[in-house]
Structures are given as C-alpha cells and as structure tokens.
N, C-alpha and C. Protein backbone atom coordinates (compact mmCIF):
# COMPACT_ATOMS: atom_id res chain seq x y z
N MET A 1 2.30 -4.97 45.88
CA MET A 1 0.87 -4.75 45.98
C MET A 1 0.23 -5.12 44.65
N ARG A 2 -0.82 -5.81 44.72
CA ARG A 2 -1.50 -6.31 43.53
C ARG A 2 -2.62 -5.35 43.14
N ALA A 3 -2.63 -4.97 41.86
CA ALA A 3 -3.68 -4.07 41.37
C ALA A 3 -4.97 -4.85 41.21
N GLN A 4 -6.07 -4.21 41.55
CA GLN A 4 -7.37 -4.83 41.40
C GLN A 4 -8.16 -4.09 40.33
N PHE A 5 -8.81 -4.85 39.47
CA PHE A 5 -9.60 -4.26 38.40
C PHE A 5 -11.04 -4.72 38.55
N ARG A 6 -11.95 -3.83 38.33
CA ARG A 6 -13.36 -4.16 38.34
C ARG A 6 -13.85 -4.32 36.92
N ARG A 7 -14.60 -5.32 36.65
CA ARG A 7 -15.19 -5.49 35.32
C ARG A 7 -16.48 -4.70 35.29
N SER A 8 -16.65 -3.92 34.23
CA SER A 8 -17.87 -3.12 34.12
C SER A 8 -19.03 -3.94 33.57
N ILE A 9 -18.71 -5.00 32.78
CA ILE A 9 -19.77 -5.87 32.29
C ILE A 9 -19.33 -7.31 32.50
N PRO A 10 -20.27 -8.22 32.68
CA PRO A 10 -19.91 -9.62 32.88
C PRO A 10 -19.21 -10.19 31.64
N ILE A 11 -18.37 -11.18 31.87
CA ILE A 11 -17.60 -11.81 30.79
C ILE A 11 -18.53 -12.37 29.72
N ALA A 12 -19.62 -13.01 30.10
CA ALA A 12 -20.55 -13.58 29.12
C ALA A 12 -21.11 -12.51 28.20
N GLN A 13 -21.46 -11.34 28.75
CA GLN A 13 -21.96 -10.24 27.92
C GLN A 13 -20.87 -9.74 26.97
N GLU A 14 -19.66 -9.64 27.48
CA GLU A 14 -18.54 -9.16 26.65
C GLU A 14 -18.29 -10.13 25.50
N GLN A 15 -18.31 -11.43 25.79
CA GLN A 15 -18.09 -12.43 24.73
C GLN A 15 -19.22 -12.39 23.71
N ALA A 16 -20.45 -12.19 24.17
CA ALA A 16 -21.59 -12.10 23.25
C ALA A 16 -21.46 -10.88 22.35
N ALA A 17 -21.00 -9.77 22.91
CA ALA A 17 -20.81 -8.55 22.12
C ALA A 17 -19.73 -8.75 21.07
N ILE A 18 -18.67 -9.45 21.45
CA ILE A 18 -17.58 -9.71 20.50
C ILE A 18 -18.10 -10.60 19.37
N ARG A 19 -18.86 -11.67 19.72
CA ARG A 19 -19.40 -12.56 18.68
C ARG A 19 -20.32 -11.79 17.75
N ALA A 20 -21.16 -10.93 18.29
CA ALA A 20 -22.08 -10.15 17.47
C ALA A 20 -21.32 -9.23 16.53
N THR A 21 -20.25 -8.63 17.01
CA THR A 21 -19.44 -7.74 16.17
C THR A 21 -18.79 -8.51 15.04
N VAL A 22 -18.24 -9.69 15.36
CA VAL A 22 -17.60 -10.53 14.33
C VAL A 22 -18.62 -10.91 13.27
N TRP A 23 -19.82 -11.31 13.68
CA TRP A 23 -20.85 -11.67 12.72
C TRP A 23 -21.25 -10.49 11.84
N MET A 24 -21.37 -9.30 12.44
CA MET A 24 -21.73 -8.12 11.65
C MET A 24 -20.67 -7.83 10.60
N VAL A 25 -19.40 -7.97 10.98
CA VAL A 25 -18.32 -7.73 10.02
C VAL A 25 -18.37 -8.76 8.91
N LEU A 26 -18.53 -10.04 9.28
CA LEU A 26 -18.59 -11.09 8.26
C LEU A 26 -19.78 -10.91 7.34
N LEU A 27 -20.94 -10.57 7.88
CA LEU A 27 -22.11 -10.32 7.04
C LEU A 27 -21.89 -9.10 6.14
N GLY A 28 -21.24 -8.09 6.68
CA GLY A 28 -20.95 -6.89 5.89
C GLY A 28 -20.08 -7.20 4.69
N LEU A 29 -19.20 -8.20 4.82
CA LEU A 29 -18.36 -8.59 3.69
C LEU A 29 -19.15 -9.31 2.62
N CYS A 30 -20.27 -9.92 3.01
CA CYS A 30 -21.08 -10.69 2.06
C CYS A 30 -22.13 -9.85 1.35
N ILE A 31 -22.51 -8.73 1.93
CA ILE A 31 -23.56 -7.90 1.34
C ILE A 31 -22.96 -7.00 0.28
N PRO A 32 -23.48 -7.05 -0.95
CA PRO A 32 -22.93 -6.19 -1.99
C PRO A 32 -23.14 -4.72 -1.66
N VAL A 33 -22.12 -3.93 -1.94
CA VAL A 33 -22.19 -2.50 -1.72
C VAL A 33 -22.99 -1.88 -2.85
N ALA A 34 -23.79 -0.86 -2.54
CA ALA A 34 -24.57 -0.17 -3.57
C ALA A 34 -23.63 0.30 -4.66
N GLY A 35 -23.95 -0.02 -5.89
CA GLY A 35 -23.13 0.41 -7.01
C GLY A 35 -21.99 -0.55 -7.33
N ALA A 36 -21.85 -1.63 -6.55
CA ALA A 36 -20.76 -2.57 -6.80
C ALA A 36 -20.89 -3.22 -8.17
N ALA A 37 -22.11 -3.35 -8.65
CA ALA A 37 -22.31 -3.96 -9.96
C ALA A 37 -21.68 -3.12 -11.06
N SER A 38 -21.47 -1.83 -10.80
CA SER A 38 -20.89 -0.97 -11.82
C SER A 38 -19.37 -0.97 -11.80
N LEU A 39 -18.76 -1.66 -10.80
CA LEU A 39 -17.30 -1.75 -10.77
C LEU A 39 -16.82 -2.59 -11.96
N PRO A 40 -15.67 -2.23 -12.51
CA PRO A 40 -15.19 -2.99 -13.66
C PRO A 40 -14.85 -4.43 -13.29
N HIS A 41 -15.14 -5.32 -14.19
CA HIS A 41 -14.80 -6.73 -14.01
C HIS A 41 -13.28 -6.85 -14.07
N PRO A 42 -12.67 -7.74 -13.26
CA PRO A 42 -11.21 -7.81 -13.23
C PRO A 42 -10.57 -8.09 -14.59
N HIS A 43 -11.30 -8.71 -15.48
CA HIS A 43 -10.73 -9.01 -16.80
C HIS A 43 -11.02 -7.92 -17.81
N ARG A 44 -11.79 -6.92 -17.41
CA ARG A 44 -12.10 -5.81 -18.32
C ARG A 44 -11.70 -4.49 -17.66
N GLN A 45 -10.44 -4.37 -17.31
CA GLN A 45 -9.94 -3.16 -16.70
C GLN A 45 -9.79 -2.07 -17.77
N PRO A 46 -9.96 -0.80 -17.39
CA PRO A 46 -9.81 0.28 -18.37
C PRO A 46 -8.35 0.35 -18.85
N LYS A 47 -8.14 -0.07 -20.10
CA LYS A 47 -6.77 -0.23 -20.62
C LYS A 47 -5.95 1.05 -20.56
N GLN A 48 -6.56 2.18 -20.84
CA GLN A 48 -5.82 3.44 -20.84
C GLN A 48 -5.27 3.74 -19.44
N ILE A 49 -6.09 3.53 -18.42
CA ILE A 49 -5.64 3.80 -17.05
C ILE A 49 -4.60 2.78 -16.62
N VAL A 50 -4.78 1.52 -16.98
CA VAL A 50 -3.80 0.48 -16.65
C VAL A 50 -2.45 0.84 -17.26
N ARG A 51 -2.44 1.33 -18.51
CA ARG A 51 -1.18 1.73 -19.15
C ARG A 51 -0.53 2.90 -18.40
N ILE A 52 -1.33 3.85 -17.95
CA ILE A 52 -0.81 4.98 -17.18
C ILE A 52 -0.17 4.48 -15.88
N ILE A 53 -0.86 3.58 -15.18
CA ILE A 53 -0.35 3.05 -13.91
C ILE A 53 0.94 2.25 -14.15
N GLU A 54 0.98 1.47 -15.22
CA GLU A 54 2.20 0.71 -15.54
C GLU A 54 3.37 1.66 -15.80
N ARG A 55 3.10 2.76 -16.52
CA ARG A 55 4.15 3.74 -16.78
C ARG A 55 4.63 4.37 -15.46
N LEU A 56 3.69 4.69 -14.58
CA LEU A 56 4.05 5.27 -13.28
C LEU A 56 4.85 4.29 -12.44
N GLU A 57 4.51 3.02 -12.50
CA GLU A 57 5.28 2.01 -11.77
C GLU A 57 6.72 1.95 -12.27
N ARG A 58 6.92 2.01 -13.60
CA ARG A 58 8.29 2.02 -14.15
C ARG A 58 9.03 3.29 -13.72
N GLN A 59 8.31 4.41 -13.71
CA GLN A 59 8.90 5.69 -13.31
C GLN A 59 9.34 5.62 -11.84
N TRP A 60 8.51 5.07 -10.98
CA TRP A 60 8.85 4.94 -9.55
C TRP A 60 10.06 4.03 -9.37
N GLN A 61 10.07 2.92 -10.11
CA GLN A 61 11.19 1.98 -10.03
C GLN A 61 12.50 2.65 -10.41
N GLN A 62 12.49 3.43 -11.49
CA GLN A 62 13.70 4.14 -11.92
C GLN A 62 14.12 5.18 -10.88
N ALA A 63 13.15 5.86 -10.29
CA ALA A 63 13.46 6.86 -9.25
C ALA A 63 14.12 6.18 -8.05
N GLU A 64 13.62 5.00 -7.67
CA GLU A 64 14.23 4.27 -6.55
C GLU A 64 15.64 3.82 -6.90
N LEU A 65 15.83 3.30 -8.11
CA LEU A 65 17.15 2.83 -8.52
C LEU A 65 18.20 3.95 -8.53
N HIS A 66 17.78 5.14 -8.93
CA HIS A 66 18.72 6.24 -9.09
C HIS A 66 18.66 7.25 -7.94
N GLY A 67 17.85 6.98 -6.93
CA GLY A 67 17.74 7.89 -5.79
C GLY A 67 17.20 9.25 -6.18
N ASN A 68 16.31 9.29 -7.16
CA ASN A 68 15.78 10.56 -7.67
C ASN A 68 14.61 11.01 -6.78
N THR A 69 14.94 11.74 -5.73
CA THR A 69 13.92 12.16 -4.77
C THR A 69 12.98 13.23 -5.34
N THR A 70 13.39 13.95 -6.36
CA THR A 70 12.51 14.93 -6.99
C THR A 70 11.33 14.22 -7.64
N VAL A 71 11.63 13.17 -8.38
CA VAL A 71 10.57 12.38 -9.03
C VAL A 71 9.72 11.70 -7.96
N MET A 72 10.37 11.14 -6.96
CA MET A 72 9.62 10.45 -5.90
C MET A 72 8.66 11.41 -5.21
N ALA A 73 9.13 12.61 -4.87
CA ALA A 73 8.29 13.60 -4.19
C ALA A 73 7.11 14.00 -5.06
N SER A 74 7.33 14.09 -6.38
CA SER A 74 6.23 14.48 -7.27
C SER A 74 5.19 13.38 -7.42
N MET A 75 5.59 12.13 -7.20
CA MET A 75 4.68 11.01 -7.36
C MET A 75 3.87 10.69 -6.11
N LEU A 76 4.37 11.09 -4.95
CA LEU A 76 3.69 10.79 -3.69
C LEU A 76 2.66 11.86 -3.37
N SER A 77 1.49 11.46 -2.89
CA SER A 77 0.49 12.43 -2.45
C SER A 77 0.98 13.08 -1.16
N ASP A 78 0.46 14.26 -0.87
CA ASP A 78 0.88 14.96 0.34
C ASP A 78 0.53 14.17 1.60
N ASP A 79 -0.54 13.38 1.54
CA ASP A 79 -0.93 12.59 2.71
C ASP A 79 -0.47 11.13 2.61
N TYR A 80 0.55 10.89 1.80
CA TYR A 80 1.10 9.54 1.61
C TYR A 80 1.48 8.93 2.96
N LEU A 81 1.20 7.64 3.09
CA LEU A 81 1.62 6.89 4.27
C LEU A 81 2.08 5.53 3.80
N GLY A 82 3.38 5.30 3.90
CA GLY A 82 3.96 4.04 3.46
C GLY A 82 4.21 3.11 4.63
N ILE A 83 4.37 1.84 4.31
CA ILE A 83 4.66 0.83 5.32
C ILE A 83 5.93 0.10 4.89
N TYR A 84 6.97 0.19 5.74
CA TYR A 84 8.21 -0.53 5.47
C TYR A 84 8.03 -2.01 5.78
N GLY A 85 8.97 -2.81 5.33
CA GLY A 85 8.91 -4.26 5.54
C GLY A 85 8.82 -4.67 7.00
N ASP A 86 9.34 -3.83 7.90
CA ASP A 86 9.29 -4.16 9.33
C ASP A 86 8.03 -3.64 10.01
N GLY A 87 7.10 -3.06 9.21
CA GLY A 87 5.85 -2.57 9.76
C GLY A 87 5.87 -1.10 10.15
N THR A 88 7.02 -0.46 10.03
CA THR A 88 7.14 0.96 10.36
C THR A 88 6.36 1.80 9.35
N LEU A 89 5.64 2.82 9.84
CA LEU A 89 4.93 3.73 8.96
C LEU A 89 5.82 4.91 8.61
N ALA A 90 5.64 5.45 7.41
CA ALA A 90 6.45 6.60 6.97
C ALA A 90 5.59 7.56 6.17
N THR A 91 5.67 8.83 6.52
CA THR A 91 4.97 9.89 5.77
C THR A 91 5.75 10.19 4.50
N LYS A 92 5.22 11.07 3.69
CA LYS A 92 5.91 11.50 2.48
C LYS A 92 7.27 12.10 2.84
N ALA A 93 7.27 13.02 3.82
CA ALA A 93 8.52 13.68 4.22
C ALA A 93 9.55 12.67 4.72
N GLU A 94 9.11 11.69 5.51
CA GLU A 94 10.03 10.68 6.04
C GLU A 94 10.56 9.78 4.92
N THR A 95 9.70 9.44 3.97
CA THR A 95 10.11 8.60 2.84
C THR A 95 11.16 9.32 1.99
N ILE A 96 10.92 10.60 1.71
CA ILE A 96 11.88 11.37 0.90
C ILE A 96 13.18 11.57 1.67
N ALA A 97 13.09 11.87 2.97
CA ALA A 97 14.30 12.04 3.79
C ALA A 97 15.12 10.76 3.82
N ASN A 98 14.47 9.62 3.93
CA ASN A 98 15.17 8.34 3.92
C ASN A 98 15.88 8.13 2.59
N ALA A 99 15.18 8.44 1.50
CA ALA A 99 15.79 8.28 0.17
C ALA A 99 16.98 9.24 0.00
N LYS A 100 16.84 10.48 0.49
CA LYS A 100 17.93 11.45 0.38
C LYS A 100 19.14 11.03 1.20
N SER A 101 18.91 10.40 2.33
CA SER A 101 20.02 10.00 3.21
C SER A 101 20.88 8.91 2.57
N GLY A 102 20.31 8.20 1.61
CA GLY A 102 21.05 7.11 0.96
C GLY A 102 21.11 5.86 1.82
N ALA A 103 20.34 5.83 2.91
CA ALA A 103 20.35 4.66 3.79
C ALA A 103 19.95 3.39 3.03
N THR A 104 18.97 3.53 2.13
CA THR A 104 18.54 2.40 1.32
C THR A 104 18.98 2.64 -0.11
N ARG A 105 19.72 1.69 -0.64
CA ARG A 105 20.21 1.79 -2.02
C ARG A 105 19.89 0.50 -2.76
N PHE A 106 19.31 0.67 -3.94
CA PHE A 106 19.02 -0.48 -4.79
C PHE A 106 19.96 -0.46 -5.99
N THR A 107 20.48 -1.63 -6.32
CA THR A 107 21.29 -1.75 -7.53
C THR A 107 20.53 -2.50 -8.62
N GLU A 108 19.46 -3.17 -8.20
CA GLU A 108 18.64 -3.90 -9.16
C GLU A 108 17.23 -4.03 -8.61
N ILE A 109 16.25 -3.84 -9.49
CA ILE A 109 14.84 -4.05 -9.14
C ILE A 109 14.18 -4.70 -10.35
N ASP A 110 13.77 -5.95 -10.19
CA ASP A 110 13.08 -6.68 -11.26
C ASP A 110 11.69 -7.04 -10.78
N THR A 111 10.69 -6.50 -11.48
CA THR A 111 9.30 -6.71 -11.10
C THR A 111 8.67 -7.80 -11.96
N SER A 112 7.83 -8.63 -11.34
CA SER A 112 7.11 -9.66 -12.07
C SER A 112 5.74 -9.86 -11.42
N ASP A 113 4.92 -10.63 -12.08
CA ASP A 113 3.60 -10.99 -11.55
C ASP A 113 2.83 -9.76 -11.06
N ARG A 114 2.83 -8.72 -11.88
CA ARG A 114 2.13 -7.48 -11.51
C ARG A 114 0.65 -7.59 -11.86
N LYS A 115 -0.18 -7.23 -10.91
CA LYS A 115 -1.63 -7.21 -11.11
C LYS A 115 -2.11 -5.79 -10.83
N ASN A 116 -2.80 -5.19 -11.80
CA ASN A 116 -3.35 -3.85 -11.66
C ASN A 116 -4.86 -3.95 -11.61
N ARG A 117 -5.47 -3.28 -10.65
CA ARG A 117 -6.93 -3.21 -10.56
C ARG A 117 -7.31 -1.75 -10.44
N VAL A 118 -8.26 -1.34 -11.23
CA VAL A 118 -8.72 0.05 -11.22
C VAL A 118 -10.16 0.07 -10.71
N PHE A 119 -10.41 0.96 -9.75
CA PHE A 119 -11.74 1.15 -9.17
C PHE A 119 -12.05 2.64 -9.25
N GLY A 120 -12.50 3.09 -10.40
CA GLY A 120 -12.81 4.51 -10.57
C GLY A 120 -11.55 5.36 -10.53
N THR A 121 -11.42 6.16 -9.47
CA THR A 121 -10.25 7.05 -9.34
C THR A 121 -9.16 6.46 -8.46
N THR A 122 -9.25 5.15 -8.19
CA THR A 122 -8.24 4.48 -7.37
C THR A 122 -7.71 3.27 -8.14
N ALA A 123 -6.41 3.06 -8.07
CA ALA A 123 -5.79 1.90 -8.70
C ALA A 123 -4.91 1.20 -7.67
N VAL A 124 -4.99 -0.12 -7.65
CA VAL A 124 -4.21 -0.92 -6.72
C VAL A 124 -3.28 -1.81 -7.53
N VAL A 125 -2.00 -1.79 -7.17
CA VAL A 125 -0.99 -2.58 -7.85
C VAL A 125 -0.42 -3.57 -6.84
N VAL A 126 -0.39 -4.85 -7.21
CA VAL A 126 0.23 -5.88 -6.39
C VAL A 126 1.27 -6.55 -7.28
N SER A 127 2.51 -6.63 -6.79
CA SER A 127 3.60 -7.19 -7.60
C SER A 127 4.56 -8.01 -6.76
N LYS A 128 5.29 -8.86 -7.46
CA LYS A 128 6.47 -9.51 -6.89
C LYS A 128 7.65 -8.70 -7.37
N VAL A 129 8.67 -8.63 -6.55
CA VAL A 129 9.86 -7.90 -6.95
C VAL A 129 11.09 -8.62 -6.40
N GLU A 130 12.12 -8.67 -7.22
CA GLU A 130 13.41 -9.18 -6.78
C GLU A 130 14.35 -7.97 -6.76
N VAL A 131 14.96 -7.73 -5.62
CA VAL A 131 15.83 -6.57 -5.48
C VAL A 131 17.22 -7.00 -5.06
N ALA A 132 18.17 -6.16 -5.43
CA ALA A 132 19.54 -6.25 -4.91
C ALA A 132 19.82 -4.88 -4.32
N GLY A 133 20.27 -4.86 -3.08
CA GLY A 133 20.54 -3.58 -2.45
C GLY A 133 20.88 -3.71 -0.99
N THR A 134 21.03 -2.54 -0.36
CA THR A 134 21.39 -2.50 1.05
C THR A 134 20.51 -1.48 1.78
N ASN A 135 20.36 -1.70 3.06
CA ASN A 135 19.69 -0.74 3.94
C ASN A 135 20.57 -0.59 5.17
N ASP A 136 21.06 0.62 5.39
CA ASP A 136 22.01 0.89 6.48
C ASP A 136 23.18 -0.10 6.46
N GLY A 137 23.65 -0.40 5.26
CA GLY A 137 24.80 -1.29 5.10
C GLY A 137 24.48 -2.77 5.12
N GLU A 138 23.26 -3.13 5.49
CA GLU A 138 22.87 -4.54 5.52
C GLU A 138 22.26 -4.95 4.19
N ASN A 139 22.60 -6.14 3.75
CA ASN A 139 22.08 -6.68 2.50
C ASN A 139 20.57 -6.92 2.62
N ILE A 140 19.80 -6.36 1.72
CA ILE A 140 18.35 -6.59 1.71
C ILE A 140 17.92 -7.27 0.41
N SER A 141 18.88 -7.82 -0.31
CA SER A 141 18.58 -8.49 -1.57
C SER A 141 17.65 -9.67 -1.33
N GLY A 142 16.70 -9.84 -2.24
CA GLY A 142 15.78 -10.96 -2.11
C GLY A 142 14.50 -10.74 -2.87
N HIS A 143 13.58 -11.64 -2.63
CA HIS A 143 12.26 -11.61 -3.27
C HIS A 143 11.25 -11.03 -2.29
N TYR A 144 10.42 -10.12 -2.78
CA TYR A 144 9.40 -9.48 -1.95
C TYR A 144 8.11 -9.35 -2.73
N ARG A 145 7.04 -9.03 -2.02
CA ARG A 145 5.77 -8.63 -2.63
C ARG A 145 5.43 -7.27 -2.08
N TYR A 146 4.75 -6.48 -2.88
CA TYR A 146 4.32 -5.17 -2.39
C TYR A 146 2.96 -4.83 -2.97
N THR A 147 2.28 -3.92 -2.30
CA THR A 147 1.03 -3.34 -2.76
C THR A 147 1.22 -1.84 -2.79
N ARG A 148 0.86 -1.22 -3.89
CA ARG A 148 0.93 0.24 -4.01
C ARG A 148 -0.46 0.72 -4.45
N VAL A 149 -0.91 1.80 -3.84
CA VAL A 149 -2.23 2.33 -4.13
C VAL A 149 -2.08 3.74 -4.72
N TYR A 150 -2.69 3.94 -5.88
CA TYR A 150 -2.71 5.23 -6.55
C TYR A 150 -4.13 5.80 -6.45
N HIS A 151 -4.20 7.11 -6.42
CA HIS A 151 -5.51 7.78 -6.43
C HIS A 151 -5.38 9.00 -7.34
N ARG A 152 -6.40 9.20 -8.17
CA ARG A 152 -6.37 10.36 -9.07
C ARG A 152 -6.82 11.58 -8.27
N ILE A 153 -5.90 12.53 -8.12
CA ILE A 153 -6.14 13.76 -7.37
C ILE A 153 -5.99 14.94 -8.31
N ASN A 154 -7.05 15.70 -8.50
CA ASN A 154 -7.02 16.86 -9.41
C ASN A 154 -6.48 16.48 -10.79
N GLY A 155 -6.93 15.32 -11.31
CA GLY A 155 -6.56 14.88 -12.64
C GLY A 155 -5.21 14.19 -12.74
N SER A 156 -4.50 14.05 -11.63
CA SER A 156 -3.16 13.47 -11.62
C SER A 156 -3.13 12.24 -10.72
N TRP A 157 -2.47 11.18 -11.15
CA TRP A 157 -2.36 9.95 -10.34
C TRP A 157 -1.22 10.11 -9.35
N LYS A 158 -1.51 9.91 -8.07
CA LYS A 158 -0.52 10.01 -6.99
C LYS A 158 -0.52 8.73 -6.18
N ILE A 159 0.64 8.39 -5.64
CA ILE A 159 0.75 7.23 -4.75
C ILE A 159 0.27 7.67 -3.37
N VAL A 160 -0.72 6.96 -2.84
CA VAL A 160 -1.25 7.31 -1.52
C VAL A 160 -0.88 6.30 -0.44
N ARG A 161 -0.57 5.07 -0.81
CA ARG A 161 -0.16 4.03 0.14
C ARG A 161 0.83 3.12 -0.53
C-alpha cells in the first residue's frame, strides 16, 4: 500500500520561502552587529589572555598525553559538549569516562599553526596537530585540525566546545 501525503502549501510558495530565508541569512552575515567595531582586531589580540589560553592548551595537551582525567575534568565546563572526529557528540562526563577507560591513548601530540582569537570572555583556538596513538586498538596517528572554544566563567577559563 502506498502512503499518500498532502502538501499544506504549494511547491512554489515553499521554494519562495526557502529563497527568502537564505537571503535573510546571507544579509544577516553582511550587516555589522552592534558593538562589532569594539571587537579586537585580529592582529591586536589581548596578549595577556592569549598567553593564558596558550598555557591552557599546553596543559590540556599534557593531560591528554598522560591520561590525567583530574586535570581534564577541571578544565572542562560543566556544560561542555565535544565533537569527535566521526561527528559523535560527547558531554563532559562522557569525555572523562572515555579518557578513564583508556580507549584512546596518545603517545605523541605535536601542535602547529595555532591561531588564537579572543572575543571578550570567549577565546577560540584553531590548530593543526600531528598525533601518534590508538583508539580501541586502532591506529589513529596522523595530521588533524581542531577548534577549541574557551569561555571565562566566574573568572576562570573553561573549555566549552
């Protein structure tokens, strides 16, 4: 038996609505946000905060290399949501449980081409990384890129994404 579906609006109206939505999004990307002029220029980042973020990145890298879940748990925000390479989402608890299980082990992590951007109480880090390691016994060694987002919460920088 073939299912029958009724369209609530004509196809032409639906396509017009989609085009209008796409245009609104594109225009929204072009319109400066109020206060955007006060954002720091990419070449004039607040050096003190950039140094703090760089230190935190080294601290996270060492925690990953040594499986130090205590440090990892202290660095992640309570509402942390990570994205694994396969697109799987992981909460703070899931990320720490995975690290504790030893399923993923790194023997080497070399970071390069790191770019730090600070936007008030949020910092975004984009880096290249070369790793040597395994995940569930499978070799995951190779070159990757990642984005990590920090947010200052109650005076402390935490990883939120």
